[in-house]
C-alpha atoms as a PDB file:
ATOM      1  CA  MET A   1     -44.490 -90.827 -57.531  1.00  0.00           C
ATOM      2  CA  LEU A   2     -46.134 -88.312 -55.075  1.00  0.00           C
ATOM      3  CA  ARG A   3     -45.342 -91.227 -52.524  1.00  0.00           C
ATOM      4  CA  ASP A   4     -41.723 -91.153 -53.416  1.00  0.00           C
ATOM      5  CA  THR A   5     -41.633 -87.221 -53.734  1.00  0.00           C
ATOM      6  CA  VAL A   6     -43.154 -87.008 -50.086  1.00  0.00           C
ATOM      7  CA  ARG A   7     -40.723 -89.510 -48.896  1.00  0.00           C
ATOM      8  CA  GLU A   8     -37.932 -87.786 -49.980  1.00  0.00           C
ATOM      9  CA  LEU A   9     -39.194 -84.414 -48.601  1.00  0.00           C
ATOM     10  CA  PHE A  10     -39.133 -86.161 -45.246  1.00  0.00           C
ATOM     11  CA  ARG A  11     -35.911 -87.682 -45.435  1.00  0.00           C
ATOM     12  CA  ARG A  12     -34.293 -84.386 -46.069  1.00  0.00           C
ATOM     13  CA  GLU A  13     -36.137 -82.250 -43.688  1.00  0.00           C
ATOM     14  CA  CYS A  14     -38.173 -84.484 -41.151  1.00  0.00           C
ATOM     15  CA  THR A  15     -34.911 -85.943 -39.626  1.00  0.00           C
ATOM     16  CA  ALA A  16     -34.801 -87.409 -36.125  1.00  0.00           C
ATOM     17  CA  ASP A  17     -33.032 -84.466 -35.033  1.00  0.00           C
ATOM     18  CA  LYS A  18     -36.019 -81.824 -36.199  1.00  0.00           C
ATOM     19  CA  VAL A  19     -38.551 -84.448 -34.578  1.00  0.00           C
ATOM     20  CA  ARG A  20     -36.546 -84.242 -31.427  1.00  0.00           C
ATOM     21  CA  ALA A  21     -36.205 -80.311 -31.603  1.00  0.00           C
ATOM     22  CA  VAL A  22     -39.964 -80.063 -31.647  1.00  0.00           C
ATOM     23  CA  TRP A  23     -40.128 -82.356 -28.369  1.00  0.00           C
ATOM     24  CA  GLU A  24     -37.635 -80.101 -26.541  1.00  0.00           C
ATOM     25  CA  SER A  25     -39.090 -76.903 -27.585  1.00  0.00           C
ATOM     26  CA  ASP A  26     -42.312 -74.797 -27.373  1.00  0.00           C
ATOM     27  CA  ALA A  27     -42.956 -75.536 -31.117  1.00  0.00           C
ATOM     28  CA  THR A  28     -45.539 -77.953 -32.034  1.00  0.00           C
ATOM     29  CA  ARG A  29     -45.029 -78.398 -35.904  1.00  0.00           C
ATOM     30  CA  LEU A  30     -42.325 -78.195 -38.503  1.00  0.00           C
ATOM     31  CA  GLU A  31     -43.948 -75.430 -40.375  1.00  0.00           C
ATOM     32  CA  GLN A  32     -41.328 -75.332 -43.362  1.00  0.00           C
ATOM     33  CA  VAL A  33     -42.421 -78.967 -43.896  1.00  0.00           C
ATOM     34  CA  TRP A  34     -45.927 -78.147 -43.546  1.00  0.00           C
ATOM     35  CA  LYS A  35     -45.695 -75.335 -45.861  1.00  0.00           C
ATOM     36  CA  LYS A  36     -43.898 -77.356 -48.414  1.00  0.00           C
ATOM     37  CA  LEU A  37     -46.579 -80.178 -48.143  1.00  0.00           C
ATOM     38  CA  ALA A  38     -49.171 -77.219 -48.812  1.00  0.00           C
ATOM     39  CA  ASP A  39     -47.538 -76.101 -51.939  1.00  0.00           C
ATOM     40  CA  MET A  40     -47.021 -79.727 -53.329  1.00  0.00           C
ATOM     41  CA  GLY A  41     -50.687 -80.131 -52.871  1.00  0.00           C
ATOM     42  CA  VAL A  42     -50.570 -82.903 -50.334  1.00  0.00           C
ATOM     43  CA  VAL A  43     -52.539 -80.966 -47.885  1.00  0.00           C
ATOM     44  CA  ALA A  44     -55.450 -80.510 -50.118  1.00  0.00           C
ATOM     45  CA  MET A  45     -55.254 -83.897 -52.231  1.00  0.00           C
ATOM     46  CA  LEU A  46     -58.892 -84.699 -50.965  1.00  0.00           C
ATOM     47  CA  ALA A  47     -60.527 -81.695 -52.023  1.00  0.00           C
ATOM     48  CA  ASP A  48     -62.000 -81.167 -55.408  1.00  0.00           C
ATOM     49  CA  GLU A  49     -60.077 -79.460 -58.010  1.00  0.00           C
ATOM     50  CA  ASN A  50     -62.120 -76.244 -58.049  1.00  0.00           C
ATOM     51  CA  ALA A  51     -61.273 -75.916 -54.345  1.00  0.00           C
ATOM     52  CA  GLY A  52     -57.688 -76.007 -54.977  1.00  0.00           C
ATOM     53  CA  GLY A  53     -57.225 -79.653 -54.277  1.00  0.00           C
ATOM     54  CA  MET A  54     -56.413 -82.781 -56.648  1.00  0.00           C
ATOM     55  CA  SER A  55     -59.738 -84.694 -56.525  1.00  0.00           C
ATOM     56  CA  MET A  56     -57.893 -87.862 -55.081  1.00  0.00           C
ATOM     57  CA  ASN A  57     -59.033 -90.241 -52.524  1.00  0.00           C
ATOM     58  CA  GLU A  58     -57.997 -92.173 -49.608  1.00  0.00           C
ATOM     59  CA  LEU A  59     -56.499 -95.113 -51.485  1.00  0.00           C
ATOM     60  CA  ASP A  60     -54.133 -92.477 -52.636  1.00  0.00           C
ATOM     61  CA  LEU A  61     -53.581 -90.616 -49.288  1.00  0.00           C
ATOM     62  CA  VAL A  62     -52.768 -93.808 -47.353  1.00  0.00           C
ATOM     63  CA  LEU A  63     -49.508 -94.196 -49.009  1.00  0.00           C
ATOM     64  CA  ILE A  64     -48.768 -90.445 -47.933  1.00  0.00           C
ATOM     65  CA  LEU A  65     -49.820 -91.032 -44.470  1.00  0.00           C
ATOM     66  CA  GLU A  66     -47.721 -94.359 -44.361  1.00  0.00           C
ATOM     67  CA  GLU A  67     -44.716 -92.282 -45.074  1.00  0.00           C
ATOM     68  CA  SER A  68     -45.644 -89.535 -42.565  1.00  0.00           C
ATOM     69  CA  GLY A  69     -45.767 -92.261 -39.985  1.00  0.00           C
ATOM     70  CA  ARG A  70     -42.383 -93.559 -40.995  1.00  0.00           C
ATOM     71  CA  ALA A  71     -40.922 -90.117 -40.338  1.00  0.00           C
ATOM     72  CA  ALA A  72     -42.961 -89.229 -37.204  1.00  0.00           C
ATOM     73  CA  LEU A  73     -44.072 -86.169 -38.893  1.00  0.00           C
ATOM     74  CA  PRO A  74     -45.316 -83.710 -36.107  1.00  0.00           C
ATOM     75  CA  ASP A  75     -47.846 -81.919 -38.060  1.00  0.00           C
ATOM     76  CA  PRO A  76     -51.518 -82.462 -38.291  1.00  0.00           C
ATOM     77  CA  LEU A  77     -51.692 -84.095 -41.464  1.00  0.00           C
ATOM     78  CA  VAL A  78     -54.204 -86.636 -40.288  1.00  0.00           C
ATOM     79  CA  GLU A  79     -56.344 -84.284 -38.727  1.00  0.00           C
ATOM     80  CA  THR A  80     -56.276 -81.753 -41.766  1.00  0.00           C
ATOM     81  CA  THR A  81     -55.984 -83.782 -45.006  1.00  0.00           C
ATOM     82  CA  ALA A  82     -57.499 -86.947 -44.015  1.00  0.00           C
ATOM     83  CA  VAL A  83     -60.424 -85.429 -42.094  1.00  0.00           C
ATOM     84  CA  ALA A  84     -61.059 -81.639 -42.082  1.00  0.00           C
ATOM     85  CA  VAL A  85     -60.481 -80.996 -45.762  1.00  0.00           C
ATOM     86  CA  PRO A  86     -63.014 -83.800 -47.161  1.00  0.00           C
ATOM     87  CA  LEU A  87     -65.620 -83.007 -44.292  1.00  0.00           C
ATOM     88  CA  LEU A  88     -65.478 -79.448 -45.217  1.00  0.00           C
ATOM     89  CA  ASN A  89     -65.383 -80.290 -48.866  1.00  0.00           C
ATOM     90  CA  GLU A  90     -68.640 -82.446 -48.610  1.00  0.00           C
ATOM     91  CA  LEU A  91     -70.820 -79.553 -47.112  1.00  0.00           C
ATOM     92  CA  ASP A  92     -73.218 -77.905 -49.473  1.00  0.00           C
ATOM     93  CA  ASP A  93     -71.366 -75.121 -51.819  1.00  0.00           C
ATOM     94  CA  GLY A  94     -73.621 -72.763 -49.975  1.00  0.00           C
ATOM     95  CA  ASN A  95     -72.473 -73.515 -46.396  1.00  0.00           C
ATOM     96  CA  GLU A  96     -70.747 -70.392 -44.921  1.00  0.00           C
ATOM     97  CA  LEU A  97     -68.164 -72.613 -43.179  1.00  0.00           C
ATOM     98  CA  LYS A  98     -67.302 -74.220 -46.597  1.00  0.00           C
ATOM     99  CA  ARG A  99     -67.118 -70.928 -47.982  1.00  0.00           C
ATOM    100  CA  THR A 100     -64.838 -69.467 -45.110  1.00  0.00           C
ATOM    101  CA  TRP A 101     -62.650 -72.426 -44.139  1.00  0.00           C
ATOM    102  CA  LEU A 102     -62.025 -74.803 -46.889  1.00  0.00           C
ATOM    103  CA  ASP A 103     -59.710 -72.878 -48.750  1.00  0.00           C
ATOM    104  CA  ALA A 104     -57.493 -72.091 -45.558  1.00  0.00           C
ATOM    105  CA  ALA A 105     -57.446 -75.548 -44.505  1.00  0.00           C
ATOM    106  CA  ALA A 106     -56.624 -76.912 -47.715  1.00  0.00           C
ATOM    107  CA  SER A 107     -53.747 -74.473 -48.344  1.00  0.00           C
ATOM    108  CA  GLY A 108     -52.204 -75.370 -44.954  1.00  0.00           C
ATOM    109  CA  LYS A 109     -52.958 -71.962 -43.690  1.00  0.00           C
ATOM    110  CA  ALA A 110     -55.539 -73.020 -41.072  1.00  0.00           C
ATOM    111  CA  ILE A 111     -55.105 -75.485 -38.449  1.00  0.00           C
ATOM    112  CA  VAL A 112     -58.296 -77.722 -37.452  1.00  0.00           C
ATOM    113  CA  GLY A 113     -58.863 -79.472 -34.421  1.00  0.00           C
ATOM    114  CA  LEU A 114     -61.262 -82.260 -34.078  1.00  0.00           C
ATOM    115  CA  GLY A 115     -63.605 -83.864 -31.506  1.00  0.00           C
ATOM    116  CA  LEU A 116     -66.020 -86.000 -33.430  1.00  0.00           C
ATOM    117  CA  ASN A 117     -66.684 -89.062 -30.934  1.00  0.00           C
ATOM    118  CA  GLY A 118     -66.429 -87.912 -27.666  1.00  0.00           C
ATOM    119  CA  GLU A 119     -62.914 -87.728 -27.215  1.00  0.00           C
ATOM    120  CA  SER A 120     -61.402 -86.018 -24.228  1.00  0.00           C
ATOM    121  CA  PHE A 121     -58.390 -84.684 -25.862  1.00  0.00           C
ATOM    122  CA  VAL A 122     -58.070 -82.720 -29.125  1.00  0.00           C
ATOM    123  CA  PRO A 123     -54.695 -82.980 -31.177  1.00  0.00           C
ATOM    124  CA  PHE A 124     -53.422 -79.838 -31.798  1.00  0.00           C
ATOM    125  CA  GLY A 125     -56.348 -78.054 -30.042  1.00  0.00           C
ATOM    126  CA  ALA A 126     -54.339 -75.282 -28.626  1.00  0.00           C
ATOM    127  CA  GLU A 127     -53.385 -73.814 -31.658  1.00  0.00           C
ATOM    128  CA  ALA A 128     -56.397 -74.690 -33.743  1.00  0.00           C
ATOM    129  CA  ASP A 129     -57.753 -71.787 -35.948  1.00  0.00           C
ATOM    130  CA  LEU A 130     -60.883 -73.652 -36.305  1.00  0.00           C
ATOM    131  CA  LEU A 131     -62.546 -76.370 -33.927  1.00  0.00           C
ATOM    132  CA  LEU A 132     -64.963 -79.100 -35.338  1.00  0.00           C
ATOM    133  CA  LEU A 133     -66.768 -80.711 -32.415  1.00  0.00           C
ATOM    134  CA  ARG A 134     -69.660 -83.205 -32.098  1.00  0.00           C
ATOM    135  CA  ARG A 135     -72.540 -82.782 -29.406  1.00  0.00           C
ATOM    136  CA  GLY A 136     -74.870 -85.664 -29.721  1.00  0.00           C
ATOM    137  CA  ASP A 137     -76.533 -85.504 -33.296  1.00  0.00           C
ATOM    138  CA  GLN A 138     -74.904 -82.063 -33.877  1.00  0.00           C
ATOM    139  CA  LEU A 139     -71.839 -80.701 -35.683  1.00  0.00           C
ATOM    140  CA  HIS A 140     -70.325 -77.439 -34.221  1.00  0.00           C
ATOM    141  CA  ALA A 141     -67.537 -75.032 -35.479  1.00  0.00           C
ATOM    142  CA  LEU A 142     -65.862 -72.755 -33.205  1.00  0.00           C
ATOM    143  CA  ALA A 143     -63.123 -70.123 -34.147  1.00  0.00           C
ATOM    144  CA  LYS A 144     -60.194 -69.670 -32.052  1.00  0.00           C
ATOM    145  CA  GLY A 145     -61.117 -67.691 -28.978  1.00  0.00           C
ATOM    146  CA  ASP A 146     -64.735 -69.242 -28.986  1.00  0.00           C
ATOM    147  CA  ALA A 147     -63.972 -72.082 -26.291  1.00  0.00           C
ATOM    148  CA  ASP A 148     -61.815 -72.621 -23.420  1.00  0.00           C
ATOM    149  CA  VAL A 149     -58.650 -74.389 -24.534  1.00  0.00           C
ATOM    150  CA  THR A 150     -56.338 -76.375 -22.059  1.00  0.00           C
ATOM    151  CA  LEU A 151     -52.960 -77.752 -23.390  1.00  0.00           C
ATOM    152  CA  VAL A 152     -52.379 -81.196 -21.913  1.00  0.00           C
ATOM    153  CA  ARG A 153     -48.670 -82.794 -22.358  1.00  0.00           C
ATOM    154  CA  SER A 154     -48.897 -86.007 -24.376  1.00  0.00           C
ATOM    155  CA  VAL A 155     -46.672 -89.041 -23.841  1.00  0.00           C
ATOM    156  CA  ASP A 156     -45.597 -88.078 -27.201  1.00  0.00           C
ATOM    157  CA  HIS A 157     -44.396 -84.281 -26.998  1.00  0.00           C
ATOM    158  CA  ALA A 158     -44.609 -83.629 -30.602  1.00  0.00           C
ATOM    159  CA  ARG A 159     -48.455 -84.299 -30.847  1.00  0.00           C
ATOM    160  CA  PRO A 160     -49.740 -81.833 -28.683  1.00  0.00           C
ATOM    161  CA  LEU A 161     -53.241 -82.499 -27.092  1.00  0.00           C
ATOM    162  CA  ALA A 162     -55.972 -80.081 -25.603  1.00  0.00           C
ATOM    163  CA  THR A 163     -59.151 -80.041 -23.445  1.00  0.00           C
ATOM    164  CA  ILE A 164     -61.884 -78.037 -25.012  1.00  0.00           C
ATOM    165  CA  THR A 165     -64.636 -76.596 -22.701  1.00  0.00           C
ATOM    166  CA  TRP A 166     -67.477 -75.057 -24.798  1.00  0.00           C
ATOM    167  CA  ASP A 167     -71.318 -74.410 -25.102  1.00  0.00           C
ATOM    168  CA  PRO A 168     -73.180 -75.150 -28.249  1.00  0.00           C
ATOM    169  CA  THR A 169     -75.147 -72.260 -29.588  1.00  0.00           C
ATOM    170  CA  PRO A 170     -77.385 -71.756 -32.679  1.00  0.00           C
ATOM    171  CA  ASP A 171     -74.452 -69.773 -34.036  1.00  0.00           C
ATOM    172  CA  THR A 172     -71.889 -72.481 -34.089  1.00  0.00           C
ATOM    173  CA  LEU A 173     -74.112 -75.076 -35.524  1.00  0.00           C
ATOM    174  CA  VAL A 174     -73.146 -76.461 -38.796  1.00  0.00           C
ATOM    175  CA  LEU A 175     -75.240 -79.488 -39.288  1.00  0.00           C
ATOM    176  CA  GLU A 176     -77.660 -81.546 -37.107  1.00  0.00           C
ATOM    177  CA  GLY A 177     -79.827 -84.801 -37.289  1.00  0.00           C
ATOM    178  CA  THR A 178     -78.843 -87.614 -39.647  1.00  0.00           C
ATOM    179  CA  ALA A 179     -76.876 -85.197 -41.844  1.00  0.00           C
ATOM    180  CA  ALA A 180     -74.583 -84.410 -38.795  1.00  0.00           C
ATOM    181  CA  ARG A 181     -74.430 -88.053 -37.776  1.00  0.00           C
ATOM    182  CA  LEU A 182     -73.294 -89.347 -41.090  1.00  0.00           C
ATOM    183  CA  ALA A 183     -70.759 -86.427 -41.762  1.00  0.00           C
ATOM    184  CA  CYS A 184     -69.077 -87.211 -38.267  1.00  0.00           C
ATOM    185  CA  GLU A 185     -69.202 -91.219 -38.853  1.00  0.00           C
ATOM    186  CA  ARG A 186     -67.295 -90.539 -42.260  1.00  0.00           C
ATOM    187  CA  ALA A 187     -64.815 -88.241 -40.644  1.00  0.00           C
ATOM    188  CA  TYR A 188     -63.908 -90.345 -37.837  1.00  0.00           C
ATOM    189  CA  ASN A 189     -63.391 -93.556 -40.057  1.00  0.00           C
ATOM    190  CA  ARG A 190     -61.125 -91.225 -42.158  1.00  0.00           C
ATOM    191  CA  GLY A 191     -59.283 -90.080 -39.073  1.00  0.00           C
ATOM    192  CA  ALA A 192     -58.985 -93.962 -37.839  1.00  0.00           C
ATOM    193  CA  LEU A 193     -57.754 -94.893 -41.216  1.00  0.00           C
ATOM    194  CA  GLY A 194     -55.173 -92.281 -41.268  1.00  0.00           C
ATOM    195  CA  ALA A 195     -53.755 -93.117 -37.822  1.00  0.00           C
ATOM    196  CA  ALA A 196     -53.831 -96.613 -38.854  1.00  0.00           C
ATOM    197  CA  ALA A 197     -51.744 -95.952 -41.857  1.00  0.00           C
ATOM    198  CA  GLN A 198     -49.233 -93.834 -40.013  1.00  0.00           C
ATOM    199  CA  LEU A 199     -48.976 -96.886 -37.759  1.00  0.00           C
ATOM    200  CA  LEU A 200     -47.660 -99.040 -40.586  1.00  0.00           C
ATOM    201  CA  GLY A 201     -45.009 -96.337 -41.059  1.00  0.00           C
ATOM    202  CA  LEU A 202     -44.086 -96.423 -37.431  1.00  0.00           C
ATOM    203  CA  THR A 203     -43.710 -99.911 -37.322  1.00  0.00           C
ATOM    204  CA  ARG A 204     -41.653-100.058 -40.554  1.00  0.00           C
ATOM    205  CA  HIS A 205     -39.132 -97.443 -39.204  1.00  0.00           C
ATOM    206  CA  MET A 206     -38.802 -99.270 -35.580  1.00  0.00           C
ATOM    207  CA  LEU A 207     -38.310-102.431 -37.599  1.00  0.00           C
ATOM    208  CA  ASP A 208     -35.553-101.110 -39.688  1.00  0.00           C
ATOM    209  CA  MET A 209     -33.769 -99.003 -37.140  1.00  0.00           C
ATOM    210  CA  THR A 210     -33.645-102.368 -34.941  1.00  0.00           C
ATOM    211  CA  VAL A 211     -32.201-104.507 -37.888  1.00  0.00           C
ATOM    212  CA  GLU A 212     -29.623-102.073 -38.479  1.00  0.00           C
ATOM    213  CA  TYR A 213     -28.776-101.997 -34.626  1.00  0.00           C
ATOM    214  CA  VAL A 214     -28.551-105.591 -34.267  1.00  0.00           C
ATOM    215  CA  LYS A 215     -26.196-106.061 -37.264  1.00  0.00           C
ATOM    216  CA  ALA A 216     -24.077-103.411 -35.728  1.00  0.00           C
ATOM    217  CA  ARG A 217     -24.021-104.243 -32.169  1.00  0.00           C
ATOM    218  CA  HIS A 218     -21.489-107.127 -31.123  1.00  0.00           C
ATOM    219  CA  GLN A 219     -21.694-109.409 -28.182  1.00  0.00           C
ATOM    220  CA  PHE A 220     -19.462-112.664 -27.590  1.00  0.00           C
ATOM    221  CA  GLY A 221     -17.653-111.972 -30.717  1.00  0.00           C
ATOM    222  CA  LYS A 222     -20.591-111.785 -33.213  1.00  0.00           C
ATOM    223  CA  PRO A 223     -23.426-109.383 -34.185  1.00  0.00           C
ATOM    224  CA  ILE A 224     -26.445-110.017 -31.680  1.00  0.00           C
ATOM    225  CA  GLY A 225     -28.521-110.023 -34.889  1.00  0.00           C
ATOM    226  CA  SER A 226     -27.466-113.539 -35.290  1.00  0.00           C
ATOM    227  CA  PHE A 227     -28.924-114.675 -32.138  1.00  0.00           C
ATOM    228  CA  GLN A 228     -32.002-116.819 -32.550  1.00  0.00           C
ATOM    229  CA  ALA A 229     -34.021-114.986 -30.046  1.00  0.00           C
ATOM    230  CA  LEU A 230     -33.704-111.763 -31.736  1.00  0.00           C
ATOM    231  CA  LYS A 231     -34.155-113.194 -35.064  1.00  0.00           C
ATOM    232  CA  HIS A 232     -37.589-114.398 -33.995  1.00  0.00           C
ATOM    233  CA  LYS A 233     -38.749-111.110 -32.265  1.00  0.00           C
ATOM    234  CA  LEU A 234     -37.627-109.236 -35.602  1.00  0.00           C
ATOM    235  CA  ALA A 235     -39.436-111.747 -37.717  1.00  0.00           C
ATOM    236  CA  ASP A 236     -42.888-111.582 -35.926  1.00  0.00           C
ATOM    237  CA  THR A 237     -42.682-107.936 -36.189  1.00  0.00           C
ATOM    238  CA  LEU A 238     -42.498-108.344 -39.905  1.00  0.00           C
ATOM    239  CA  ILE A 239     -45.201-110.811 -39.720  1.00  0.00           C
ATOM    240  CA  GLN A 240     -47.439-108.431 -37.732  1.00  0.00           C
ATOM    241  CA  LEU A 241     -46.662-105.671 -40.225  1.00  0.00           C
ATOM    242  CA  GLU A 242     -47.273-107.592 -43.287  1.00  0.00           C
ATOM    243  CA  PHE A 243     -50.561-108.885 -42.051  1.00  0.00           C
ATOM    244  CA  ALA A 244     -51.832-105.315 -41.124  1.00  0.00           C
ATOM    245  CA  ARG A 245     -51.060-103.533 -44.217  1.00  0.00           C
ATOM    246  CA  PRO A 246     -53.297-105.346 -46.515  1.00  0.00           C
ATOM    247  CA  VAL A 247     -56.037-104.873 -44.105  1.00  0.00           C
ATOM    248  CA  VAL A 248     -55.334-100.932 -43.963  1.00  0.00           C
ATOM    249  CA  TYR A 249     -55.191-100.817 -47.841  1.00  0.00           C
ATOM    250  CA  ARG A 250     -58.651-102.523 -47.870  1.00  0.00           C
ATOM    251  CA  ALA A 251     -60.096-100.177 -45.650  1.00  0.00           C
ATOM    252  CA  ALA A 252     -58.912 -97.334 -47.665  1.00  0.00           C
ATOM    253  CA  TYR A 253     -60.257 -98.686 -50.769  1.00  0.00           C
ATOM    254  CA  SER A 254     -63.688 -99.282 -48.839  1.00  0.00           C
ATOM    255  CA  LEU A 255     -63.540 -95.381 -47.900  1.00  0.00           C
ATOM    256  CA  ALA A 256     -62.761 -94.277 -51.496  1.00  0.00           C
ATOM    257  CA  HIS A 257     -65.532 -96.423 -52.969  1.00  0.00           C
ATOM    258  CA  ASP A 258     -68.331 -96.035 -50.359  1.00  0.00           C
ATOM    259  CA  ASP A 259     -68.380 -99.577 -49.494  1.00  0.00           C
ATOM    260  CA  ALA A 260     -71.225-100.337 -47.148  1.00  0.00           C
ATOM    261  CA  ASP A 261     -69.005-102.154 -44.884  1.00  0.00           C
ATOM    262  CA  ALA A 262     -66.311 -99.303 -44.912  1.00  0.00           C
ATOM    263  CA  ALA A 263     -66.827 -98.919 -41.239  1.00  0.00           C
ATOM    264  CA  THR A 264     -66.218-102.469 -40.326  1.00  0.00           C
ATOM    265  CA  HIS A 265     -63.088-102.528 -42.726  1.00  0.00           C
ATOM    266  CA  VAL A 266     -61.727 -99.251 -40.976  1.00  0.00           C
ATOM    267  CA  SER A 267     -62.114-100.763 -37.469  1.00  0.00           C
ATOM    268  CA  MET A 268     -60.223-104.092 -38.713  1.00  0.00           C
ATOM    269  CA  ALA A 269     -57.281-101.855 -40.034  1.00  0.00           C
ATOM    270  CA  LYS A 270     -57.309 -99.790 -36.867  1.00  0.00           C
ATOM    271  CA  ALA A 271     -57.135-102.835 -34.404  1.00  0.00           C
ATOM    272  CA  HIS A 272     -54.528-104.589 -36.665  1.00  0.00           C
ATOM    273  CA  ALA A 273     -52.221-101.601 -37.083  1.00  0.00           C
ATOM    274  CA  SER A 274     -52.732-100.706 -33.518  1.00  0.00           C
ATOM    275  CA  ASP A 275     -51.428-104.418 -32.429  1.00  0.00           C
ATOM    276  CA  ALA A 276     -48.597-104.269 -35.100  1.00  0.00           C
ATOM    277  CA  ALA A 277     -47.078-100.796 -33.908  1.00  0.00           C
ATOM    278  CA  THR A 278     -47.409-101.832 -30.000  1.00  0.00           C
ATOM    279  CA  PHE A 279     -45.977-105.473 -30.621  1.00  0.00           C
ATOM    280  CA  ALA A 280     -43.071-103.688 -32.616  1.00  0.00           C
ATOM    281  CA  ALA A 281     -42.548-101.057 -29.851  1.00  0.00           C
ATOM    282  CA  LYS A 282     -41.898-103.879 -27.276  1.00  0.00           C
ATOM    283  CA  ALA A 283     -39.807-106.121 -29.737  1.00  0.00           C
ATOM    284  CA  THR A 284     -37.615-103.538 -31.063  1.00  0.00           C
ATOM    285  CA  LEU A 285     -37.142-102.048 -27.424  1.00  0.00           C
ATOM    286  CA  GLN A 286     -36.159-105.456 -26.095  1.00  0.00           C
ATOM    287  CA  CYS A 287     -33.673-105.785 -29.026  1.00  0.00           C
ATOM    288  CA  HIS A 288     -32.039-102.624 -28.109  1.00  0.00           C
ATOM    289  CA  GLY A 289     -31.791-103.497 -24.408  1.00  0.00           C
ATOM    290  CA  ALA A 290     -30.847-100.772 -22.147  1.00  0.00           C
ATOM    291  CA  LEU A 291     -30.099 -98.194 -25.055  1.00  0.00           C
ATOM    292  CA  GLY A 292     -33.765 -98.516 -25.794  1.00  0.00           C
ATOM    293  CA  TYR A 293     -34.706 -96.791 -22.774  1.00  0.00           C
ATOM    294  CA  SER A 294     -32.469 -93.909 -23.314  1.00  0.00           C
ATOM    295  CA  PHE A 295     -34.031 -90.545 -23.528  1.00  0.00           C
ATOM    296  CA  GLU A 296     -31.037 -89.409 -26.102  1.00  0.00           C
ATOM    297  CA  TYR A 297     -31.624 -92.553 -28.477  1.00  0.00           C
ATOM    298  CA  ASP A 298     -34.241 -91.727 -31.222  1.00  0.00           C
ATOM    299  CA  LEU A 299     -36.414 -95.089 -30.839  1.00  0.00           C
ATOM    300  CA  HIS A 300     -38.475 -93.360 -28.074  1.00  0.00           C
ATOM    301  CA  LEU A 301     -39.676 -90.985 -30.588  1.00  0.00           C
ATOM    302  CA  TRP A 302     -41.220 -93.512 -32.667  1.00  0.00           C
ATOM    303  CA  MET A 303     -42.269 -95.734 -29.851  1.00  0.00           C
ATOM    304  CA  LYS A 304     -44.236 -92.901 -28.101  1.00  0.00           C
ATOM    305  CA  ARG A 305     -46.048 -92.009 -31.318  1.00  0.00           C
ATOM    306  CA  ALA A 306     -46.830 -95.436 -31.755  1.00  0.00           C
ATOM    307  CA  TRP A 307     -48.468 -95.500 -28.420  1.00  0.00           C
ATOM    308  CA  ALA A 308     -50.268 -92.197 -28.941  1.00  0.00           C
ATOM    309  CA  LEU A 309     -51.673 -93.328 -32.124  1.00  0.00           C
ATOM    310  CA  ALA A 310     -52.698 -96.782 -30.822  1.00  0.00           C
ATOM    311  CA  SER A 311     -54.908 -95.288 -28.740  1.00  0.00           C
ATOM    312  CA  ALA A 312     -56.223 -92.207 -30.810  1.00  0.00           C
ATOM    313  CA  TRP A 313     -59.256 -92.694 -33.006  1.00  0.00           C
ATOM    314  CA  GLY A 314     -60.378 -95.616 -30.944  1.00  0.00           C
ATOM    315  CA  ASP A 315     -58.004 -98.311 -29.539  1.00  0.00           C
ATOM    316  CA  ALA A 316     -57.928-101.808 -31.049  1.00  0.00           C
ATOM    317  CA  ARG A 317     -60.445-102.973 -28.251  1.00  0.00           C
ATOM    318  CA  TRP A 318     -62.766-100.328 -29.055  1.00  0.00           C
ATOM    319  CA  HIS A 319     -62.630-101.313 -33.037  1.00  0.00           C
ATOM    320  CA  ARG A 320     -62.862-105.014 -32.249  1.00  0.00           C
ATOM    321  CA  ARG A 321     -66.092-104.284 -30.229  1.00  0.00           C
ATOM    322  CA  ARG A 322     -67.587-102.087 -32.945  1.00  0.00           C
ATOM    323  CA  VAL A 323     -66.797-105.247 -35.605  1.00  0.00           C
ATOM    324  CA  SER A 324     -68.175-107.558 -33.129  1.00  0.00           C
ATOM    325  CA  GLN A 325     -71.371-105.320 -33.005  1.00  0.00           C
ATOM    326  CA  THR A 326     -71.664-105.271 -36.784  1.00  0.00           C
ATOM    327  CA  LEU A 327     -71.134-109.121 -37.088  1.00  0.00           C
ATOM    328  CA  PHE A 328     -73.633-110.023 -34.495  1.00  0.00           C
ATOM    329  CA  ALA A 329     -76.160-107.333 -35.183  1.00  0.00           C
END
């Protein structure tokens, strides 16, 4: 029911025209949509009830993230809901960072930027109120203004990136040693799962958009969707999607139940979802022909989000390497 409610919200208020408006302006988010997600409790769904959340888990969230991918939502749902909120929620109750920031992040009032695995670019880093950054076996937290932030233009203009220049100090230290390493690894796995779920939604939307196009576009007196070559491309895209979805859901189950092999399952999910989305982008672009290359046509909004997320939180090659290291350890 929550998924269907969120889907309807996106259908009404996260239309292609509004996503395009974010692309073509200085705005980086759909703030009204973000506020409504917060009011519905979506942003805080992984937080404990005593922190204003729903005490839900990754298996619940994966459905919401899939819908956000289908809509190409230009808001930090993965960064905030899937990663920052549970990371803050799992800190000790006496931790000052948790007391100061959990409620603000869970209510959607604070944007959190994340650099947890040596990433060169931090999504939403330029507007983040809080930066959670890893340096070796330490986790640090910096408020806005405590780091040098440089905006970087992404291939997906609705997913702004930034480079962060900063120096760790005792005042910024949150966790260190094993506690920091485990917290960052859990957070990173949640981020990779979140990106994988969004890639499923992106793949579904590109496929649906293209099916409608090839039914309406006529050549030689018949719909181009009747041509066998296009049928094969779209059928292969659907197969990629249907193979990837259960792997992503399995990874969500593994994280929700603290499976010992959760990291391996997450890497399998991210690799499969990245493959499916990049395959879909290529196939649907070819089915659209020259129209698919047009900046004025909506397909590129989803293709470029797919390319960006396929590389984010570890690309398919990185995750396959992590799986192989586990298998052959």
